[in-house]
Amino acid sequence: MKKNPSGTTNKKVPMRTCCGCRQSFPKKELIRIVRTPDNTVEVDITGKKNGRGTYICRNTECLEKAVKSGAVSRSLEVQVSPEIYESLKTELSSDETR
């Protein structure tokens, strides 16, 4: 790692693309949805579960756009149940009230 003039190291911030709006954001700002090895789809709050993942903004409009276009199902290569979308909506609404 290179040191900048102040003597601290520059860490690369991992960037991910939202499947709703297709914009890149730092990984920590997005919510991860994962298809686990046993083919269940879950909301991954930690961002560290094993499996194929996709990311969505913490924005209700983005989620609605991704649901309407089928982007989440396409990214995970499996049909996503309405219950997963409902848990995402509650997660997003709890974020907006904070």
PDB file of N, CA and C in Angstrom:
ATOM      1  N   MET A   1       0.835  -1.182   0.000  1.00  0.00           N
ATOM      2  CA  MET A   1       0.000   0.000   0.000  1.00  0.00           C
ATOM      3  C   MET A   1       0.880   1.245   0.000  1.00  0.00           C
ATOM      4  N   LYS A   2       0.430   2.205  -0.735  1.00  0.00           N
ATOM      5  CA  LYS A   2       1.162   3.468  -0.783  1.00  0.00           C
ATOM      6  C   LYS A   2       0.761   4.344   0.380  1.00  0.00           C
ATOM      7  N   LYS A   3       1.716   5.116   0.847  1.00  0.00           N
ATOM      8  CA  LYS A   3       1.416   6.081   1.900  1.00  0.00           C
ATOM      9  C   LYS A   3       1.232   7.443   1.249  1.00  0.00           C
ATOM     10  N   ASN A   4       0.213   8.149   1.712  1.00  0.00           N
ATOM     11  CA  ASN A   4       0.001   9.490   1.186  1.00  0.00           C
ATOM     12  C   ASN A   4       0.845  10.471   2.008  1.00  0.00           C
ATOM     13  N   PRO A   5       0.918  11.747   1.631  1.00  0.00           N
ATOM     14  CA  PRO A   5       1.791  12.708   2.311  1.00  0.00           C
ATOM     15  C   PRO A   5       1.575  12.824   3.822  1.00  0.00           C
ATOM     16  N   SER A   6       0.375  12.534   4.301  1.00  0.00           N
ATOM     17  CA  SER A   6       0.138  12.650   5.741  1.00  0.00           C
ATOM     18  C   SER A   6       0.646  11.426   6.499  1.00  0.00           C
ATOM     19  N   GLY A   7       1.116  10.395   5.778  1.00  0.00           N
ATOM     20  CA  GLY A   7       1.683   9.221   6.416  1.00  0.00           C
ATOM     21  C   GLY A   7       0.700   8.075   6.610  1.00  0.00           C
ATOM     22  N   THR A   8      -0.556   8.275   6.247  1.00  0.00           N
ATOM     23  CA  THR A   8      -1.529   7.193   6.370  1.00  0.00           C
ATOM     24  C   THR A   8      -1.594   6.420   5.060  1.00  0.00           C
ATOM     25  N   THR A   9      -2.129   5.204   5.113  1.00  0.00           N
ATOM     26  CA  THR A   9      -2.223   4.402   3.895  1.00  0.00           C
ATOM     27  C   THR A   9      -3.552   4.648   3.202  1.00  0.00           C
ATOM     28  N   ASN A  10      -3.520   4.564   1.878  1.00  0.00           N
ATOM     29  CA  ASN A  10      -4.735   4.708   1.080  1.00  0.00           C
ATOM     30  C   ASN A  10      -5.349   3.330   0.897  1.00  0.00           C
ATOM     31  N   LYS A  11      -6.541   3.127   1.434  1.00  0.00           N
ATOM     32  CA  LYS A  11      -7.248   1.874   1.233  1.00  0.00           C
ATOM     33  C   LYS A  11      -8.233   2.045   0.096  1.00  0.00           C
ATOM     34  N   LYS A  12      -8.294   1.056  -0.774  1.00  0.00           N
ATOM     35  CA  LYS A  12      -9.237   1.097  -1.875  1.00  0.00           C
ATOM     36  C   LYS A  12     -10.625   0.758  -1.345  1.00  0.00           C
ATOM     37  N   VAL A  13     -11.609   1.580  -1.681  1.00  0.00           N
ATOM     38  CA  VAL A  13     -12.983   1.374  -1.249  1.00  0.00           C
ATOM     39  C   VAL A  13     -13.662   0.478  -2.284  1.00  0.00           C
ATOM     40  N   PRO A  14     -14.178  -0.708  -1.860  1.00  0.00           N
ATOM     41  CA  PRO A  14     -14.846  -1.576  -2.838  1.00  0.00           C
ATOM     42  C   PRO A  14     -16.141  -0.948  -3.336  1.00  0.00           C
ATOM     43  N   MET A  15     -16.319  -0.932  -4.644  1.00  0.00           N
ATOM     44  CA  MET A  15     -17.505  -0.348  -5.269  1.00  0.00           C
ATOM     45  C   MET A  15     -18.360  -1.464  -5.844  1.00  0.00           C
ATOM     46  N   ARG A  16     -19.678  -1.287  -5.769  1.00  0.00           N
ATOM     47  CA  ARG A  16     -20.628  -2.238  -6.327  1.00  0.00           C
ATOM     48  C   ARG A  16     -21.692  -1.464  -7.092  1.00  0.00           C
ATOM     49  N   THR A  17     -22.351  -2.143  -8.036  1.00  0.00           N
ATOM     50  CA  THR A  17     -23.373  -1.522  -8.871  1.00  0.00           C
ATOM     51  C   THR A  17     -24.760  -1.933  -8.390  1.00  0.00           C
ATOM     52  N   CYS A  18     -25.636  -0.962  -8.234  1.00  0.00           N
ATOM     53  CA  CYS A  18     -27.023  -1.210  -7.849  1.00  0.00           C
ATOM     54  C   CYS A  18     -27.743  -1.827  -9.047  1.00  0.00           C
ATOM     55  N   CYS A  19     -28.506  -2.908  -8.802  1.00  0.00           N
ATOM     56  CA  CYS A  19     -29.212  -3.558  -9.916  1.00  0.00           C
ATOM     57  C   CYS A  19     -30.460  -2.783 -10.317  1.00  0.00           C
ATOM     58  N   GLY A  20     -30.854  -1.770  -9.553  1.00  0.00           N
ATOM     59  CA  GLY A  20     -32.018  -0.958  -9.904  1.00  0.00           C
ATOM     60  C   GLY A  20     -31.651   0.211 -10.789  1.00  0.00           C
ATOM     61  N   CYS A  21     -30.736   1.053 -10.322  1.00  0.00           N
ATOM     62  CA  CYS A  21     -30.383   2.272 -11.065  1.00  0.00           C
ATOM     63  C   CYS A  21     -29.094   2.139 -11.871  1.00  0.00           C
ATOM     64  N   ARG A  22     -28.371   1.035 -11.674  1.00  0.00           N
ATOM     65  CA  ARG A  22     -27.128   0.752 -12.403  1.00  0.00           C
ATOM     66  C   ARG A  22     -26.012   1.756 -12.110  1.00  0.00           C
ATOM     67  N   GLN A  23     -26.045   2.424 -10.954  1.00  0.00           N
ATOM     68  CA  GLN A  23     -24.976   3.335 -10.556  1.00  0.00           C
ATOM     69  C   GLN A  23     -24.065   2.640  -9.554  1.00  0.00           C
ATOM     70  N   SER A  24     -22.797   3.031  -9.541  1.00  0.00           N
ATOM     71  CA  SER A  24     -21.836   2.442  -8.607  1.00  0.00           C
ATOM     72  C   SER A  24     -21.792   3.229  -7.314  1.00  0.00           C
ATOM     73  N   PHE A  25     -21.719   2.493  -6.206  1.00  0.00           N
ATOM     74  CA  PHE A  25     -21.640   3.071  -4.870  1.00  0.00           C
ATOM     75  C   PHE A  25     -20.648   2.264  -4.052  1.00  0.00           C
ATOM     76  N   PRO A  26     -20.141   2.834  -2.966  1.00  0.00           N
ATOM     77  CA  PRO A  26     -19.333   2.015  -2.057  1.00  0.00           C
ATOM     78  C   PRO A  26     -20.178   0.862  -1.518  1.00  0.00           C
ATOM     79  N   LYS A  27     -19.562  -0.296  -1.392  1.00  0.00           N
ATOM     80  CA  LYS A  27     -20.254  -1.513  -0.985  1.00  0.00           C
ATOM     81  C   LYS A  27     -21.054  -1.342   0.306  1.00  0.00           C
ATOM     82  N   LYS A  28     -20.521  -0.605   1.265  1.00  0.00           N
ATOM     83  CA  LYS A  28     -21.174  -0.426   2.565  1.00  0.00           C
ATOM     84  C   LYS A  28     -22.475   0.364   2.485  1.00  0.00           C
ATOM     85  N   GLU A  29     -22.681   1.111   1.406  1.00  0.00           N
ATOM     86  CA  GLU A  29     -23.895   1.914   1.258  1.00  0.00           C
ATOM     87  C   GLU A  29     -25.059   1.139   0.647  1.00  0.00           C
ATOM     88  N   LEU A  30     -24.809  -0.082   0.182  1.00  0.00           N
ATOM     89  CA  LEU A  30     -25.828  -0.862  -0.503  1.00  0.00           C
ATOM     90  C   LEU A  30     -26.285  -2.043   0.349  1.00  0.00           C
ATOM     91  N   ILE A  31     -27.435  -2.599   0.006  1.00  0.00           N
ATOM     92  CA  ILE A  31     -27.954  -3.800   0.649  1.00  0.00           C
ATOM     93  C   ILE A  31     -27.683  -4.972  -0.289  1.00  0.00           C
ATOM     94  N   ARG A  32     -27.160  -6.060   0.259  1.00  0.00           N
ATOM     95  CA  ARG A  32     -26.849  -7.236  -0.550  1.00  0.00           C
ATOM     96  C   ARG A  32     -27.979  -8.254  -0.446  1.00  0.00           C
ATOM     97  N   ILE A  33     -28.334  -8.814  -1.583  1.00  0.00           N
ATOM     98  CA  ILE A  33     -29.288  -9.911  -1.659  1.00  0.00           C
ATOM     99  C   ILE A  33     -28.488 -11.097  -2.181  1.00  0.00           C
ATOM    100  N   VAL A  34     -28.600 -12.232  -1.521  1.00  0.00           N
ATOM    101  CA  VAL A  34     -27.754 -13.371  -1.865  1.00  0.00           C
ATOM    102  C   VAL A  34     -28.580 -14.626  -2.129  1.00  0.00           C
ATOM    103  N   ARG A  35     -28.152 -15.386  -3.141  1.00  0.00           N
ATOM    104  CA  ARG A  35     -28.685 -16.725  -3.367  1.00  0.00           C
ATOM    105  C   ARG A  35     -27.670 -17.679  -2.762  1.00  0.00           C
ATOM    106  N   THR A  36     -28.062 -18.351  -1.702  1.00  0.00           N
ATOM    107  CA  THR A  36     -27.146 -19.237  -0.980  1.00  0.00           C
ATOM    108  C   THR A  36     -26.901 -20.516  -1.794  1.00  0.00           C
ATOM    109  N   PRO A  37     -25.879 -21.293  -1.421  1.00  0.00           N
ATOM    110  CA  PRO A  37     -25.596 -22.540  -2.150  1.00  0.00           C
ATOM    111  C   PRO A  37     -26.768 -23.526  -2.182  1.00  0.00           C
ATOM    112  N   ASP A  38     -27.682 -23.455  -1.214  1.00  0.00           N
ATOM    113  CA  ASP A  38     -28.853 -24.345  -1.237  1.00  0.00           C
ATOM    114  C   ASP A  38     -30.055 -23.698  -1.941  1.00  0.00           C
ATOM    115  N   ASN A  39     -29.793 -22.674  -2.762  1.00  0.00           N
ATOM    116  CA  ASN A  39     -30.779 -21.991  -3.623  1.00  0.00           C
ATOM    117  C   ASN A  39     -31.884 -21.260  -2.875  1.00  0.00           C
ATOM    118  N   THR A  40     -31.624 -20.776  -1.682  1.00  0.00           N
ATOM    119  CA  THR A  40     -32.570 -19.892  -1.011  1.00  0.00           C
ATOM    120  C   THR A  40     -32.084 -18.463  -1.200  1.00  0.00           C
ATOM    121  N   VAL A  41     -33.015 -17.537  -1.263  1.00  0.00           N
ATOM    122  CA  VAL A  41     -32.664 -16.122  -1.450  1.00  0.00           C
ATOM    123  C   VAL A  41     -32.886 -15.411  -0.130  1.00  0.00           C
ATOM    124  N   GLU A  42     -31.887 -14.650   0.307  1.00  0.00           N
ATOM    125  CA  GLU A  42     -31.942 -13.962   1.596  1.00  0.00           C
ATOM    126  C   GLU A  42     -31.405 -12.544   1.456  1.00  0.00           C
ATOM    127  N   VAL A  43     -31.839 -11.684   2.360  1.00  0.00           N
ATOM    128  CA  VAL A  43     -31.253 -10.354   2.481  1.00  0.00           C
ATOM    129  C   VAL A  43     -30.042 -10.510   3.378  1.00  0.00           C
ATOM    130  N   ASP A  44     -28.881 -10.109   2.887  1.00  0.00           N
ATOM    131  CA  ASP A  44     -27.621 -10.286   3.610  1.00  0.00           C
ATOM    132  C   ASP A  44     -27.182  -8.950   4.199  1.00  0.00           C
ATOM    133  N   ILE A  45     -27.545  -8.707   5.438  1.00  0.00           N
ATOM    134  CA  ILE A  45     -27.192  -7.451   6.103  1.00  0.00           C
ATOM    135  C   ILE A  45     -25.682  -7.346   6.320  1.00  0.00           C
ATOM    136  N   THR A  46     -25.031  -8.458   6.636  1.00  0.00           N
ATOM    137  CA  THR A  46     -23.589  -8.443   6.905  1.00  0.00           C
ATOM    138  C   THR A  46     -22.777  -8.269   5.630  1.00  0.00           C
ATOM    139  N   GLY A  47     -23.323  -8.711   4.492  1.00  0.00           N
ATOM    140  CA  GLY A  47     -22.589  -8.625   3.229  1.00  0.00           C
ATOM    141  C   GLY A  47     -21.508  -9.675   3.093  1.00  0.00           C
ATOM    142  N   LYS A  48     -21.566 -10.731   3.924  1.00  0.00           N
ATOM    143  CA  LYS A  48     -20.497 -11.728   3.930  1.00  0.00           C
ATOM    144  C   LYS A  48     -20.966 -13.160   3.741  1.00  0.00           C
ATOM    145  N   LYS A  49     -22.250 -13.371   3.517  1.00  0.00           N
ATOM    146  CA  LYS A  49     -22.749 -14.738   3.352  1.00  0.00           C
ATOM    147  C   LYS A  49     -22.232 -15.333   2.051  1.00  0.00           C
ATOM    148  N   ASN A  50     -22.071 -16.653   2.047  1.00  0.00           N
ATOM    149  CA  ASN A  50     -21.653 -17.360   0.838  1.00  0.00           C
ATOM    150  C   ASN A  50     -22.782 -17.371  -0.175  1.00  0.00           C
ATOM    151  N   GLY A  51     -22.424 -17.286  -1.441  1.00  0.00           N
ATOM    152  CA  GLY A  51     -23.406 -17.389  -2.505  1.00  0.00           C
ATOM    153  C   GLY A  51     -23.297 -16.268  -3.512  1.00  0.00           C
ATOM    154  N   ARG A  52     -24.161 -16.347  -4.512  1.00  0.00           N
ATOM    155  CA  ARG A  52     -24.199 -15.335  -5.567  1.00  0.00           C
ATOM    156  C   ARG A  52     -24.994 -14.139  -5.065  1.00  0.00           C
ATOM    157  N   GLY A  53     -24.416 -12.977  -5.167  1.00  0.00           N
ATOM    158  CA  GLY A  53     -25.065 -11.793  -4.625  1.00  0.00           C
ATOM    159  C   GLY A  53     -25.311 -10.710  -5.653  1.00  0.00           C
ATOM    160  N   THR A  54     -26.229  -9.837  -5.302  1.00  0.00           N
ATOM    161  CA  THR A  54     -26.492  -8.628  -6.066  1.00  0.00           C
ATOM    162  C   THR A  54     -26.772  -7.515  -5.062  1.00  0.00           C
ATOM    163  N   TYR A  55     -26.663  -6.297  -5.485  1.00  0.00           N
ATOM    164  CA  TYR A  55     -26.784  -5.160  -4.567  1.00  0.00           C
ATOM    165  C   TYR A  55     -27.887  -4.219  -5.006  1.00  0.00           C
ATOM    166  N   ILE A  56     -28.475  -3.556  -4.010  1.00  0.00           N
ATOM    167  CA  ILE A  56     -29.534  -2.579  -4.281  1.00  0.00           C
ATOM    168  C   ILE A  56     -29.319  -1.361  -3.388  1.00  0.00           C
ATOM    169  N   CYS A  57     -29.625  -0.174  -3.918  1.00  0.00           N
ATOM    170  CA  CYS A  57     -29.529   1.071  -3.147  1.00  0.00           C
ATOM    171  C   CYS A  57     -30.466   1.034  -1.952  1.00  0.00           C
ATOM    172  N   ARG A  58     -30.194   1.851  -0.977  1.00  0.00           N
ATOM    173  CA  ARG A  58     -31.101   2.007   0.171  1.00  0.00           C
ATOM    174  C   ARG A  58     -32.149   3.057  -0.200  1.00  0.00           C
ATOM    175  N   ASN A  59     -32.904   2.756  -1.249  1.00  0.00           N
ATOM    176  CA  ASN A  59     -33.829   3.700  -1.842  1.00  0.00           C
ATOM    177  C   ASN A  59     -35.039   2.919  -2.367  1.00  0.00           C
ATOM    178  N   THR A  60     -36.233   3.279  -1.944  1.00  0.00           N
ATOM    179  CA  THR A  60     -37.442   2.544  -2.316  1.00  0.00           C
ATOM    180  C   THR A  60     -37.696   2.587  -3.820  1.00  0.00           C
ATOM    181  N   GLU A  61     -37.437   3.728  -4.463  1.00  0.00           N
ATOM    182  CA  GLU A  61     -37.664   3.837  -5.903  1.00  0.00           C
ATOM    183  C   GLU A  61     -36.767   2.876  -6.670  1.00  0.00           C
ATOM    184  N   CYS A  62     -35.533   2.721  -6.212  1.00  0.00           N
ATOM    185  CA  CYS A  62     -34.593   1.798  -6.855  1.00  0.00           C
ATOM    186  C   CYS A  62     -35.085   0.361  -6.736  1.00  0.00           C
ATOM    187  N   LEU A  63     -35.588   0.017  -5.562  1.00  0.00           N
ATOM    188  CA  LEU A  63     -36.105  -1.341  -5.353  1.00  0.00           C
ATOM    189  C   LEU A  63     -37.288  -1.600  -6.275  1.00  0.00           C
ATOM    190  N   GLU A  64     -38.199  -0.633  -6.362  1.00  0.00           N
ATOM    191  CA  GLU A  64     -39.368  -0.804  -7.230  1.00  0.00           C
ATOM    192  C   GLU A  64     -38.960  -0.962  -8.692  1.00  0.00           C
ATOM    193  N   LYS A  65     -37.953  -0.203  -9.113  1.00  0.00           N
ATOM    194  CA  LYS A  65     -37.460  -0.304 -10.490  1.00  0.00           C
ATOM    195  C   LYS A  65     -36.845  -1.687 -10.737  1.00  0.00           C
ATOM    196  N   ALA A  66     -36.081  -2.195  -9.762  1.00  0.00           N
ATOM    197  CA  ALA A  66     -35.443  -3.505  -9.905  1.00  0.00           C
ATOM    198  C   ALA A  66     -36.476  -4.629  -9.930  1.00  0.00           C
ATOM    199  N   VAL A  67     -37.520  -4.504  -9.116  1.00  0.00           N
ATOM    200  CA  VAL A  67     -38.582  -5.518  -9.087  1.00  0.00           C
ATOM    201  C   VAL A  67     -39.332  -5.521 -10.413  1.00  0.00           C
ATOM    202  N   LYS A  68     -39.684  -4.336 -10.892  1.00  0.00           N
ATOM    203  CA  LYS A  68     -40.455  -4.212 -12.128  1.00  0.00           C
ATOM    204  C   LYS A  68     -39.687  -4.769 -13.332  1.00  0.00           C
ATOM    205  N   SER A  69     -38.387  -4.514 -13.380  1.00  0.00           N
ATOM    206  CA  SER A  69     -37.586  -4.983 -14.516  1.00  0.00           C
ATOM    207  C   SER A  69     -37.120  -6.427 -14.364  1.00  0.00           C
ATOM    208  N   GLY A  70     -37.258  -6.995 -13.150  1.00  0.00           N
ATOM    209  CA  GLY A  70     -36.798  -8.367 -12.920  1.00  0.00           C
ATOM    210  C   GLY A  70     -35.295  -8.467 -12.760  1.00  0.00           C
ATOM    211  N   ALA A  71     -34.642  -7.360 -12.459  1.00  0.00           N
ATOM    212  CA  ALA A  71     -33.180  -7.329 -12.380  1.00  0.00           C
ATOM    213  C   ALA A  71     -32.620  -8.196 -11.260  1.00  0.00           C
ATOM    214  N   VAL A  72     -33.311  -8.255 -10.125  1.00  0.00           N
ATOM    215  CA  VAL A  72     -32.815  -9.057  -9.000  1.00  0.00           C
ATOM    216  C   VAL A  72     -32.839 -10.536  -9.363  1.00  0.00           C
ATOM    217  N   SER A  73     -33.953 -10.998  -9.902  1.00  0.00           N
ATOM    218  CA  SER A  73     -34.067 -12.410 -10.315  1.00  0.00           C
ATOM    219  C   SER A  73     -33.043 -12.752 -11.391  1.00  0.00           C
ATOM    220  N   ARG A  74     -32.842 -11.846 -12.320  1.00  0.00           N
ATOM    221  CA  ARG A  74     -31.880 -12.071 -13.397  1.00  0.00           C
ATOM    222  C   ARG A  74     -30.459 -12.145 -12.858  1.00  0.00           C
ATOM    223  N   SER A  75     -30.116 -11.268 -11.931  1.00  0.00           N
ATOM    224  CA  SER A  75     -28.773 -11.255 -11.361  1.00  0.00           C
ATOM    225  C   SER A  75     -28.481 -12.511 -10.547  1.00  0.00           C
ATOM    226  N   LEU A  76     -29.487 -12.958  -9.796  1.00  0.00           N
ATOM    227  CA  LEU A  76     -29.299 -14.131  -8.942  1.00  0.00           C
ATOM    228  C   LEU A  76     -29.546 -15.445  -9.673  1.00  0.00           C
ATOM    229  N   GLU A  77     -30.052 -15.350 -10.898  1.00  0.00           N
ATOM    230  CA  GLU A  77     -30.345 -16.512 -11.732  1.00  0.00           C
ATOM    231  C   GLU A  77     -31.322 -17.473 -11.058  1.00  0.00           C
ATOM    232  N   VAL A  78     -32.300 -16.911 -10.331  1.00  0.00           N
ATOM    233  CA  VAL A  78     -33.338 -17.693  -9.668  1.00  0.00           C
ATOM    234  C   VAL A  78     -34.535 -16.771  -9.441  1.00  0.00           C
ATOM    235  N   GLN A  79     -35.739 -17.340  -9.398  1.00  0.00           N
ATOM    236  CA  GLN A  79     -36.931 -16.526  -9.150  1.00  0.00           C
ATOM    237  C   GLN A  79     -36.951 -16.085  -7.684  1.00  0.00           C
ATOM    238  N   VAL A  80     -37.114 -14.801  -7.453  1.00  0.00           N
ATOM    239  CA  VAL A  80     -37.131 -14.244  -6.101  1.00  0.00           C
ATOM    240  C   VAL A  80     -38.577 -14.136  -5.633  1.00  0.00           C
ATOM    241  N   SER A  81     -38.839 -14.637  -4.419  1.00  0.00           N
ATOM    242  CA  SER A  81     -40.209 -14.646  -3.894  1.00  0.00           C
ATOM    243  C   SER A  81     -40.629 -13.252  -3.435  1.00  0.00           C
ATOM    244  N   PRO A  82     -41.934 -12.987  -3.427  1.00  0.00           N
ATOM    245  CA  PRO A  82     -42.436 -11.691  -2.962  1.00  0.00           C
ATOM    246  C   PRO A  82     -42.065 -11.403  -1.500  1.00  0.00           C
ATOM    247  N   GLU A  83     -41.870 -12.448  -0.691  1.00  0.00           N
ATOM    248  CA  GLU A  83     -41.496 -12.254   0.710  1.00  0.00           C
ATOM    249  C   GLU A  83     -40.137 -11.560   0.838  1.00  0.00           C
ATOM    250  N   ILE A  84     -39.230 -11.882  -0.059  1.00  0.00           N
ATOM    251  CA  ILE A  84     -37.904 -11.239  -0.045  1.00  0.00           C
ATOM    252  C   ILE A  84     -38.058  -9.757  -0.353  1.00  0.00           C
ATOM    253  N   TYR A  85     -38.886  -9.428  -1.336  1.00  0.00           N
ATOM    254  CA  TYR A  85     -39.110  -8.020  -1.670  1.00  0.00           C
ATOM    255  C   TYR A  85     -39.761  -7.283  -0.507  1.00  0.00           C
ATOM    256  N   GLU A  86     -40.670  -7.954   0.192  1.00  0.00           N
ATOM    257  CA  GLU A  86     -41.305  -7.324   1.357  1.00  0.00           C
ATOM    258  C   GLU A  86     -40.297  -7.073   2.471  1.00  0.00           C
ATOM    259  N   SER A  87     -39.386  -8.031   2.716  1.00  0.00           N
ATOM    260  CA  SER A  87     -38.370  -7.818   3.756  1.00  0.00           C
ATOM    261  C   SER A  87     -37.420  -6.691   3.357  1.00  0.00           C
ATOM    262  N   LEU A  88     -37.141  -6.562   2.059  1.00  0.00           N
ATOM    263  CA  LEU A  88     -36.324  -5.443   1.585  1.00  0.00           C
ATOM    264  C   LEU A  88     -37.041  -4.112   1.802  1.00  0.00           C
ATOM    265  N   LYS A  89     -38.337  -4.083   1.520  1.00  0.00           N
ATOM    266  CA  LYS A  89     -39.104  -2.852   1.711  1.00  0.00           C
ATOM    267  C   LYS A  89     -39.120  -2.444   3.179  1.00  0.00           C
ATOM    268  N   THR A  90     -39.278  -3.409   4.091  1.00  0.00           N
ATOM    269  CA  THR A  90     -39.259  -3.069   5.518  1.00  0.00           C
ATOM    270  C   THR A  90     -37.878  -2.606   5.947  1.00  0.00           C
ATOM    271  N   GLU A  91     -36.830  -3.210   5.391  1.00  0.00           N
ATOM    272  CA  GLU A  91     -35.453  -2.781   5.681  1.00  0.00           C
ATOM    273  C   GLU A  91     -35.242  -1.341   5.215  1.00  0.00           C
ATOM    274  N   LEU A  92     -35.728  -1.036   4.026  1.00  0.00           N
ATOM    275  CA  LEU A  92     -35.575   0.316   3.485  1.00  0.00           C
ATOM    276  C   LEU A  92     -36.397   1.336   4.277  1.00  0.00           C
ATOM    277  N   SER A  93     -37.601   0.967   4.669  1.00  0.00           N
ATOM    278  CA  SER A  93     -38.419   1.904   5.435  1.00  0.00           C
ATOM    279  C   SER A  93     -37.832   2.150   6.818  1.00  0.00           C
ATOM    280  N   SER A  94     -37.186   1.144   7.403  1.00  0.00           N
ATOM    281  CA  SER A  94     -36.545   1.354   8.707  1.00  0.00           C
ATOM    282  C   SER A  94     -35.312   2.252   8.560  1.00  0.00           C
ATOM    283  N   ASP A  95     -34.615   2.152   7.417  1.00  0.00           N
ATOM    284  CA  ASP A  95     -33.465   3.026   7.157  1.00  0.00           C
ATOM    285  C   ASP A  95     -33.907   4.477   7.002  1.00  0.00           C
ATOM    286  N   GLU A  96     -35.049   4.686   6.328  1.00  0.00           N
ATOM    287  CA  GLU A  96     -35.519   6.046   6.064  1.00  0.00           C
ATOM    288  C   GLU A  96     -36.020   6.747   7.325  1.00  0.00           C
ATOM    289  N   THR A  97     -36.458   5.969   8.329  1.00  0.00           N
ATOM    290  CA  THR A  97     -36.955   6.581   9.562  1.00  0.00           C
ATOM    291  C   THR A  97     -35.830   6.911  10.530  1.00  0.00           C
ATOM    292  N   ARG A  98     -34.631   6.424  10.273  1.00  0.00           N
ATOM    293  CA  ARG A  98     -33.471   6.696  11.161  1.00  0.00           C
ATOM    294  C   ARG A  98     -32.952   8.094  10.990  1.00  0.00           C
TER     295      ARG A  98
END
